[in-house]
């Protein structure tokens, strides 16, 4: 079992205080957006045996287990994070596995450098993800019913939005959503910027249901993603609740602190709320134009106290243990690799005492006894 030292990424949308307060350290004054735990080559966790990437590369079957290597190859299939948003992240979607492989191979054939700003596919993997709230957490997830989106836009009483309202009423669900998103992203930039400015003022004036979009527009003035965001469900998670983001589902995190886990990929197609490249034709090919409830997840408890966040994919499995004072030790030994993360109280994993924000990597099959009084998240795979 290896204690992890983890990198904190200073993205501009990050909170200056949430992660420092979580870790019990003084803020630096700079944004601290994500703390990465795992073996992503961009910022692998460090152990006493070296970077976790090198530890796994040196003996993948020993560290990951035969079943994990056979199913996912000689790499850790997931990346675990603490995410602290103080401003909206980009509105985005992720491809499914077939789309990712197809897109990656196409861009490789065309000789587009992997670090090029206009490249869509950095790797050949999909990127399903799950966010579990540690504080109240706001996000956007999936399309609203078109009639509900039409009512929201109509309530602003802005002439330039009325064609979108008519489109949302005039077509079947999938066609309505596709036509409106296409129109928003393809509109004349100057005219759209003016529409967004009017929308921002109206949202600020009306408040209530419109308040999140006023805040989004404050951070991204004139961005067409502000209008696109109004097509999506606004979700407010309470601590312990989660969202699963599958392929093709448009989403954005707005504000809050959470535990995030995802398949080990960098494939993102952006819809807006970003200065980065937006590939409209490829985006429209990937987006699933399906309206529905965003599906807030609550953990399913098992007899041994493990609370599992059920998802339909195998690259990761996230669960938690809420350990009361004086509870018996739990045996978490498992034939797959694990990262154990303390988020509250004081927990002991093997010989390692863990405070909030501290984590360990547990190789496949290694004994893992945990005890203490606190909350422990467990990240592993289904293999």
Protein backbone atom coordinates (compact mmCIF):
# COMPACT_ATOMS: atom_id res chain seq x y z
CA UNK A 1 0.00 0.00 0.00
CA UNK A 2 1.48 3.33 -1.11
CA UNK A 3 0.74 6.76 0.32
CA UNK A 4 0.12 9.15 -2.58
CA UNK A 5 1.45 12.65 -3.12
CA UNK A 6 -0.85 14.32 -5.61
CA UNK A 7 -0.63 17.24 -8.02
CA UNK A 8 -3.06 20.16 -7.78
CA UNK A 9 -3.97 21.73 -11.13
CA UNK A 10 -4.38 25.56 -11.10
CA UNK A 11 -7.07 25.99 -13.77
CA UNK A 12 -8.60 29.48 -13.86
CA UNK A 13 -12.11 28.26 -12.94
CA UNK A 14 -10.87 26.72 -9.69
CA UNK A 15 -11.63 27.97 -6.19
CA UNK A 16 -8.83 29.73 -4.32
CA UNK A 17 -10.04 28.38 -0.97
CA UNK A 18 -12.03 25.13 -1.25
CA UNK A 19 -9.18 22.63 -1.70
CA UNK A 20 -6.86 24.39 0.83
CA UNK A 21 -9.66 24.36 3.43
CA UNK A 22 -10.40 20.73 2.62
CA UNK A 23 -6.72 19.84 3.11
CA UNK A 24 -6.35 22.04 6.19
CA UNK A 25 -3.65 24.27 4.67
CA UNK A 26 -3.36 27.99 3.98
CA UNK A 27 -4.62 29.22 0.58
CA UNK A 28 -1.97 30.49 -1.79
CA UNK A 29 -4.25 33.06 -3.41
CA UNK A 30 -4.14 31.19 -6.72
CA UNK A 31 -6.94 28.98 -8.12
CA UNK A 32 -6.73 25.33 -7.12
CA UNK A 33 -9.13 23.47 -9.39
CA UNK A 34 -8.34 19.74 -9.30
CA UNK A 35 -6.22 17.34 -7.27
CA UNK A 36 -5.36 14.28 -9.37
CA UNK A 37 -4.97 10.80 -7.91
CA UNK A 38 -3.83 8.04 -10.23
CA UNK A 39 -1.46 7.28 -13.07
CA UNK A 40 -2.42 9.83 -15.72
CA UNK A 41 0.80 10.67 -17.61
CA UNK A 42 0.01 14.39 -17.35
CA UNK A 43 0.34 14.41 -13.55
CA UNK A 44 0.89 10.96 -12.01
CA UNK A 45 0.67 10.55 -8.26
CA UNK A 46 4.02 10.08 -6.54
CA UNK A 47 4.86 7.27 -4.15
CA UNK A 48 7.89 6.21 -2.14
CA UNK A 49 8.59 3.76 -5.01
CA UNK A 50 8.48 6.51 -7.66
CA UNK A 51 5.72 7.96 -9.88
CA UNK A 52 2.71 5.66 -9.97
CA UNK A 53 3.01 5.43 -13.77
CA UNK A 54 6.50 3.92 -13.40
CA UNK A 55 5.44 1.65 -10.55
CA UNK A 56 2.66 0.18 -12.72
CA UNK A 57 4.79 0.04 -15.87
CA UNK A 58 7.41 -1.94 -13.97
CA UNK A 59 5.03 -4.78 -13.03
CA UNK A 60 1.49 -4.26 -14.36
CA UNK A 61 0.18 -7.74 -13.47
CA UNK A 62 1.44 -7.41 -9.89
CA UNK A 63 0.10 -3.88 -9.37
CA UNK A 64 -3.18 -4.11 -11.33
CA UNK A 65 -3.93 -7.84 -11.24
CA UNK A 66 -4.25 -10.25 -14.15
CA UNK A 67 -7.96 -9.61 -14.70
CA UNK A 68 -7.54 -5.83 -14.90
CA UNK A 69 -4.63 -6.10 -17.35
CA UNK A 70 -6.52 -8.61 -19.50
CA UNK A 71 -9.57 -6.33 -19.68
CA UNK A 72 -8.04 -2.84 -19.89
CA UNK A 73 -4.38 -3.31 -20.71
CA UNK A 74 -1.31 -2.53 -18.55
CA UNK A 75 -2.54 0.81 -17.21
CA UNK A 76 -4.77 2.08 -14.42
CA UNK A 77 -8.12 2.58 -16.21
CA UNK A 78 -9.41 5.46 -14.06
CA UNK A 79 -8.41 8.86 -12.71
CA UNK A 80 -9.72 10.05 -9.34
CA UNK A 81 -9.92 13.76 -8.51
CA UNK A 82 -10.98 16.31 -5.97
CA UNK A 83 -12.66 19.05 -8.05
CA UNK A 84 -13.29 22.58 -6.74
CA UNK A 85 -15.23 24.83 -9.13
CA UNK A 86 -15.68 28.54 -8.40
CA UNK A 87 -16.70 29.39 -11.99
CA UNK A 88 -18.41 27.34 -14.72
CA UNK A 89 -16.34 24.79 -16.61
CA UNK A 90 -16.74 24.53 -20.37
CA UNK A 91 -19.99 23.09 -21.71
CA UNK A 92 -18.88 19.76 -23.17
CA UNK A 93 -19.58 16.20 -24.28
CA UNK A 94 -17.47 13.05 -24.47
CA UNK A 95 -17.44 10.41 -27.25
CA UNK A 96 -18.27 6.75 -26.78
CA UNK A 97 -15.52 4.17 -27.22
CA UNK A 98 -16.20 3.54 -30.91
CA UNK A 99 -16.34 7.26 -31.70
CA UNK A 100 -13.13 7.90 -29.77
CA UNK A 101 -11.22 5.16 -31.60
CA UNK A 102 -12.57 6.27 -34.96
CA UNK A 103 -11.85 9.96 -34.31
CA UNK A 104 -8.36 9.29 -32.95
CA UNK A 105 -7.38 7.12 -35.91
CA UNK A 106 -8.73 9.72 -38.36
CA UNK A 107 -6.76 12.58 -36.79
CA UNK A 108 -3.65 10.40 -36.64
CA UNK A 109 -4.00 9.62 -40.36
CA UNK A 110 -4.36 13.33 -41.11
CA UNK A 111 -1.20 14.09 -39.17
CA UNK A 112 -2.78 16.51 -36.69
CA UNK A 113 -0.35 16.93 -33.77
CA UNK A 114 -1.79 15.49 -30.56
CA UNK A 115 -1.19 18.80 -28.77
CA UNK A 116 -2.75 20.95 -31.52
CA UNK A 117 -5.43 23.32 -30.24
CA UNK A 118 -7.92 22.18 -32.89
CA UNK A 119 -7.43 18.46 -32.26
CA UNK A 120 -10.50 16.72 -30.80
CA UNK A 121 -9.19 13.28 -29.89
CA UNK A 122 -6.09 13.10 -27.69
CA UNK A 123 -6.40 9.32 -27.28
CA UNK A 124 -8.52 6.36 -28.40
CA UNK A 125 -10.52 5.99 -25.19
CA UNK A 126 -13.95 7.10 -24.04
CA UNK A 127 -14.42 9.32 -20.98
CA UNK A 128 -17.46 8.45 -18.88
CA UNK A 129 -17.31 10.24 -15.54
CA UNK A 130 -19.05 10.60 -12.20
CA UNK A 131 -19.10 13.56 -9.81
CA UNK A 132 -20.06 13.06 -6.15
CA UNK A 133 -20.76 16.21 -4.13
CA UNK A 134 -18.83 16.94 -0.94
CA UNK A 135 -20.57 20.31 -0.60
CA UNK A 136 -23.68 21.63 -2.29
CA UNK A 137 -22.74 21.33 -5.97
CA UNK A 138 -24.33 22.97 -9.03
CA UNK A 139 -24.12 21.63 -12.55
CA UNK A 140 -25.84 21.24 -15.91
CA UNK A 141 -26.60 17.75 -17.17
CA UNK A 142 -28.52 16.59 -20.24
CA UNK A 143 -31.24 18.30 -22.24
CA UNK A 144 -34.43 19.68 -20.78
CA UNK A 145 -37.72 18.72 -22.37
CA UNK A 146 -37.94 21.02 -25.44
CA UNK A 147 -41.22 22.53 -24.24
CA UNK A 148 -39.63 23.37 -20.88
CA UNK A 149 -36.60 24.90 -22.62
CA UNK A 150 -38.97 26.93 -24.82
CA UNK A 151 -40.81 28.24 -21.76
CA UNK A 152 -37.53 29.22 -20.09
CA UNK A 153 -36.37 31.16 -23.15
CA UNK A 154 -39.81 32.70 -23.76
CA UNK A 155 -39.88 33.99 -20.19
CA UNK A 156 -37.01 36.35 -21.03
CA UNK A 157 -39.15 38.15 -23.63
CA UNK A 158 -36.21 38.81 -25.98
CA UNK A 159 -37.03 39.14 -29.68
CA UNK A 160 -33.85 37.42 -30.92
CA UNK A 161 -34.68 34.31 -28.84
CA UNK A 162 -38.17 33.90 -30.28
CA UNK A 163 -37.05 31.89 -33.35
CA UNK A 164 -35.48 29.34 -30.99
CA UNK A 165 -38.70 29.20 -28.97
CA UNK A 166 -40.66 28.51 -32.17
CA UNK A 167 -38.23 25.77 -33.23
CA UNK A 168 -38.52 24.06 -29.86
CA UNK A 169 -42.30 23.98 -30.20
CA UNK A 170 -42.45 23.05 -33.90
CA UNK A 171 -40.47 19.80 -34.19
CA UNK A 172 -40.15 16.38 -32.59
CA UNK A 173 -37.83 16.30 -29.59
CA UNK A 174 -34.55 15.22 -31.20
CA UNK A 175 -34.96 17.48 -34.25
CA UNK A 176 -35.95 20.45 -32.08
CA UNK A 177 -32.92 20.19 -29.83
CA UNK A 178 -30.56 19.57 -32.75
CA UNK A 179 -31.86 22.52 -34.77
CA UNK A 180 -31.72 24.95 -31.87
CA UNK A 181 -28.23 23.97 -30.70
CA UNK A 182 -26.99 24.12 -34.30
CA UNK A 183 -28.56 27.56 -34.79
CA UNK A 184 -27.11 28.92 -31.54
CA UNK A 185 -23.57 27.73 -32.24
CA UNK A 186 -23.66 28.76 -35.92
CA UNK A 187 -25.15 32.24 -35.43
CA UNK A 188 -23.33 35.41 -36.42
CA UNK A 189 -20.90 36.06 -33.51
CA UNK A 190 -21.75 39.76 -33.22
CA UNK A 191 -25.48 39.20 -33.22
CA UNK A 192 -25.18 36.30 -30.79
CA UNK A 193 -23.04 38.37 -28.42
CA UNK A 194 -25.77 41.01 -28.34
CA UNK A 195 -28.40 38.33 -27.64
CA UNK A 196 -26.29 36.96 -24.81
CA UNK A 197 -25.87 40.43 -23.30
CA UNK A 198 -29.65 40.93 -23.36
CA UNK A 199 -30.15 37.46 -21.90
CA UNK A 200 -27.67 38.11 -19.10
CA UNK A 201 -29.42 41.34 -18.11
CA UNK A 202 -32.85 39.68 -18.15
CA UNK A 203 -31.62 36.67 -16.12
CA UNK A 204 -30.05 38.97 -13.52
CA UNK A 205 -33.27 40.97 -13.28
CA UNK A 206 -35.56 37.93 -12.99
CA UNK A 207 -33.39 35.84 -10.64
CA UNK A 208 -34.76 32.56 -9.29
CA UNK A 209 -34.65 29.90 -12.00
CA UNK A 210 -32.67 32.30 -14.18
CA UNK A 211 -29.97 33.12 -11.61
CA UNK A 212 -27.51 30.37 -12.66
CA UNK A 213 -27.49 31.67 -16.23
CA UNK A 214 -26.81 35.23 -15.08
CA UNK A 215 -23.76 33.89 -13.26
CA UNK A 216 -22.64 31.88 -16.30
CA UNK A 217 -22.96 34.98 -18.49
CA UNK A 218 -20.96 37.00 -15.95
CA UNK A 219 -18.04 34.61 -16.41
CA UNK A 220 -18.48 34.18 -20.20
CA UNK A 221 -19.91 37.46 -21.56
CA UNK A 222 -21.18 37.15 -25.11
CA UNK A 223 -20.51 33.39 -25.31
CA UNK A 224 -23.17 31.40 -27.25
CA UNK A 225 -22.75 28.67 -24.63
CA UNK A 226 -24.90 30.81 -22.32
CA UNK A 227 -27.92 30.18 -24.56
CA UNK A 228 -26.94 26.53 -25.09
CA UNK A 229 -26.77 26.13 -21.30
CA UNK A 230 -30.43 27.12 -21.02
CA UNK A 231 -31.35 24.02 -23.04
CA UNK A 232 -29.95 21.82 -20.27
CA UNK A 233 -31.18 20.63 -16.89
CA UNK A 234 -29.85 22.62 -13.94
CA UNK A 235 -29.00 20.28 -11.05
CA UNK A 236 -28.11 21.07 -7.45
CA UNK A 237 -26.53 18.11 -5.68
CA UNK A 238 -26.50 17.76 -1.92
CA UNK A 239 -23.44 16.21 -0.21
CA UNK A 240 -23.30 12.50 -1.01
CA UNK A 241 -25.38 12.80 -4.19
CA UNK A 242 -23.79 12.17 -7.58
CA UNK A 243 -24.22 12.51 -11.34
CA UNK A 244 -23.03 10.03 -13.95
CA UNK A 245 -22.11 11.59 -17.31
CA UNK A 246 -22.20 9.07 -20.13
CA UNK A 247 -21.16 9.47 -23.76
CA UNK A 248 -22.86 12.23 -25.74
CA UNK A 249 -24.49 13.90 -22.71
CA UNK A 250 -23.85 17.67 -22.67
CA UNK A 251 -22.84 18.91 -19.25
CA UNK A 252 -20.94 21.52 -17.27
CA UNK A 253 -19.98 21.88 -13.62
CA UNK A 254 -20.80 25.31 -12.19
CA UNK A 255 -19.83 25.53 -8.54
CA UNK A 256 -18.89 23.33 -5.59
CA UNK A 257 -16.47 20.74 -4.21
CA UNK A 258 -16.71 17.09 -5.19
CA UNK A 259 -15.01 13.76 -5.76
CA UNK A 260 -14.77 13.03 -9.49
CA UNK A 261 -13.80 9.77 -11.15
CA UNK A 262 -13.45 9.13 -14.87
CA UNK A 263 -12.01 6.78 -17.43
CA UNK A 264 -8.40 7.71 -18.16
CA UNK A 265 -8.93 9.91 -21.23
CA UNK A 266 -8.61 13.53 -22.37
CA UNK A 267 -11.28 13.43 -25.09
CA UNK A 268 -13.54 16.49 -24.82
CA UNK A 269 -15.72 18.20 -27.43
CA UNK A 270 -16.77 21.65 -26.31
CA UNK A 271 -20.13 23.36 -26.91
CA UNK A 272 -19.27 26.74 -25.43
CA UNK A 273 -18.27 28.62 -22.27
CA UNK A 274 -14.67 28.44 -23.40
CA UNK A 275 -12.09 30.33 -25.46
CA UNK A 276 -10.90 26.95 -26.80
CA UNK A 277 -11.70 25.32 -30.14
CA UNK A 278 -15.34 24.35 -30.82
CA UNK A 279 -15.71 21.89 -33.70
CA UNK A 280 -19.41 22.29 -34.46
CA UNK A 281 -19.85 19.48 -37.05
CA UNK A 282 -18.01 16.92 -34.90
CA UNK A 283 -19.82 18.08 -31.79
CA UNK A 284 -23.21 17.63 -33.46
CA UNK A 285 -22.18 14.14 -34.51
CA UNK A 286 -21.36 13.17 -30.91
CA UNK A 287 -24.15 14.84 -28.94
CA UNK A 288 -27.12 12.68 -28.00
CA UNK A 289 -30.19 14.85 -28.53
CA UNK A 290 -32.30 13.14 -25.90
CA UNK A 291 -34.24 15.01 -23.21
CA UNK A 292 -34.74 13.51 -19.79
CA UNK A 293 -34.19 13.63 -16.07
CA UNK A 294 -30.49 14.04 -15.21
CA UNK A 295 -30.67 11.04 -12.87
CA UNK A 296 -29.24 12.05 -9.51
CA UNK A 297 -27.48 9.04 -7.95
CA UNK A 298 -27.59 8.11 -4.30
CA UNK A 299 -25.37 5.31 -3.04
CA UNK A 300 -26.70 1.80 -2.60
CA UNK A 301 -25.72 0.39 0.81
CA UNK A 302 -24.47 -3.19 1.21
CA UNK A 303 -24.51 -5.24 4.43
CA UNK A 304 -20.81 -4.61 5.11
CA UNK A 305 -21.30 -0.82 5.11
CA UNK A 306 -20.04 -0.11 1.61
CA UNK A 307 -22.17 2.46 -0.24
CA UNK A 308 -21.81 2.01 -4.01
CA UNK A 309 -22.55 4.53 -6.77
CA UNK A 310 -23.84 2.23 -9.50
CA UNK A 311 -22.82 3.05 -13.08
CA UNK A 312 -23.08 1.11 -16.37
CA UNK A 313 -19.34 1.05 -17.14
CA UNK A 314 -16.40 -1.03 -15.91
CA UNK A 315 -13.40 1.35 -16.01
CA UNK A 316 -14.28 2.62 -12.55
CA UNK A 317 -16.35 1.74 -9.52
CA UNK A 318 -16.79 4.39 -6.82
CA UNK A 319 -18.06 3.71 -3.32
CA UNK A 320 -17.71 5.14 0.16
CA UNK A 321 -17.59 4.02 3.77
CA UNK A 322 -18.96 6.27 6.50
CA UNK A 323 -17.18 4.92 9.57
CA UNK A 324 -18.66 5.80 12.99
CA UNK A 325 -16.52 6.11 16.11
CA UNK A 326 -15.70 2.68 17.55
CA UNK A 327 -16.76 0.70 14.45
CA UNK A 328 -15.02 -2.56 13.62
CA UNK A 329 -12.27 -2.62 11.00
CA UNK A 330 -13.33 -3.30 7.41
CA UNK A 331 -11.43 -5.63 5.09
CA UNK A 332 -11.25 -3.97 1.68
CA UNK A 333 -8.87 -6.49 0.11
CA UNK A 334 -9.77 -6.88 -3.55
CA UNK A 335 -8.33 -8.56 -6.65
CA UNK A 336 -8.31 -5.22 -8.50
CA UNK A 337 -6.27 -2.03 -7.89
CA UNK A 338 -7.72 0.56 -5.54
CA UNK A 339 -7.25 4.16 -4.47
CA UNK A 340 -8.61 4.98 -1.02
CA UNK A 341 -9.32 8.64 -0.26
CA UNK A 342 -10.29 10.13 3.09
CA UNK A 343 -12.75 13.05 2.84
CA UNK A 344 -13.75 13.55 6.49
CA UNK A 345 -12.56 12.64 9.97
CA UNK A 346 -9.56 10.41 10.57
CA UNK A 347 -9.19 7.01 8.94
CA UNK A 348 -6.45 4.40 8.99
CA UNK A 349 -5.72 2.35 5.86
CA UNK A 350 -3.26 -0.38 6.75
CA UNK A 351 -0.32 1.41 8.39
CA UNK A 352 -1.29 4.81 6.94
CA UNK A 353 -3.30 7.36 8.96
CA UNK A 354 -5.36 9.49 6.58
CA UNK A 355 -6.82 12.95 7.06
CA UNK A 356 -9.13 14.71 4.56
CA UNK A 357 -7.51 14.82 1.13
CA UNK A 358 -4.96 12.09 1.87
CA UNK A 359 -4.98 8.89 -0.19
CA UNK A 360 -3.27 5.56 -0.79
CA UNK A 361 -2.86 3.22 -3.75
CA UNK A 362 -3.57 -0.44 -2.97
CA UNK A 363 -2.16 -2.94 -5.49
CA UNK A 364 -4.43 -5.78 -6.60
CA UNK A 365 -4.77 -8.48 -3.97
CA UNK A 366 -2.90 -6.58 -1.25
CA UNK A 367 -4.46 -6.68 2.19
CA UNK A 368 -6.42 -3.51 2.94
CA UNK A 369 -7.78 -3.10 6.45
CA UNK A 370 -9.46 0.24 7.22
CA UNK A 371 -10.70 1.65 10.51
CA UNK A 372 -11.29 4.93 12.30
CA UNK A 373 -14.05 7.54 12.39
CA UNK A 374 -14.61 9.35 9.13
CA UNK A 375 -15.53 9.00 5.45
CA UNK A 376 -13.46 6.98 3.01
CA UNK A 377 -14.02 6.85 -0.76
CA UNK A 378 -12.92 3.71 -2.59
CA UNK A 379 -12.08 3.79 -6.30
CA UNK A 380 -11.47 0.57 -8.21
CA UNK A 381 -12.55 -1.21 -11.42
CA UNK A 382 -14.98 -3.92 -12.43
CA UNK A 383 -12.92 -6.79 -13.83
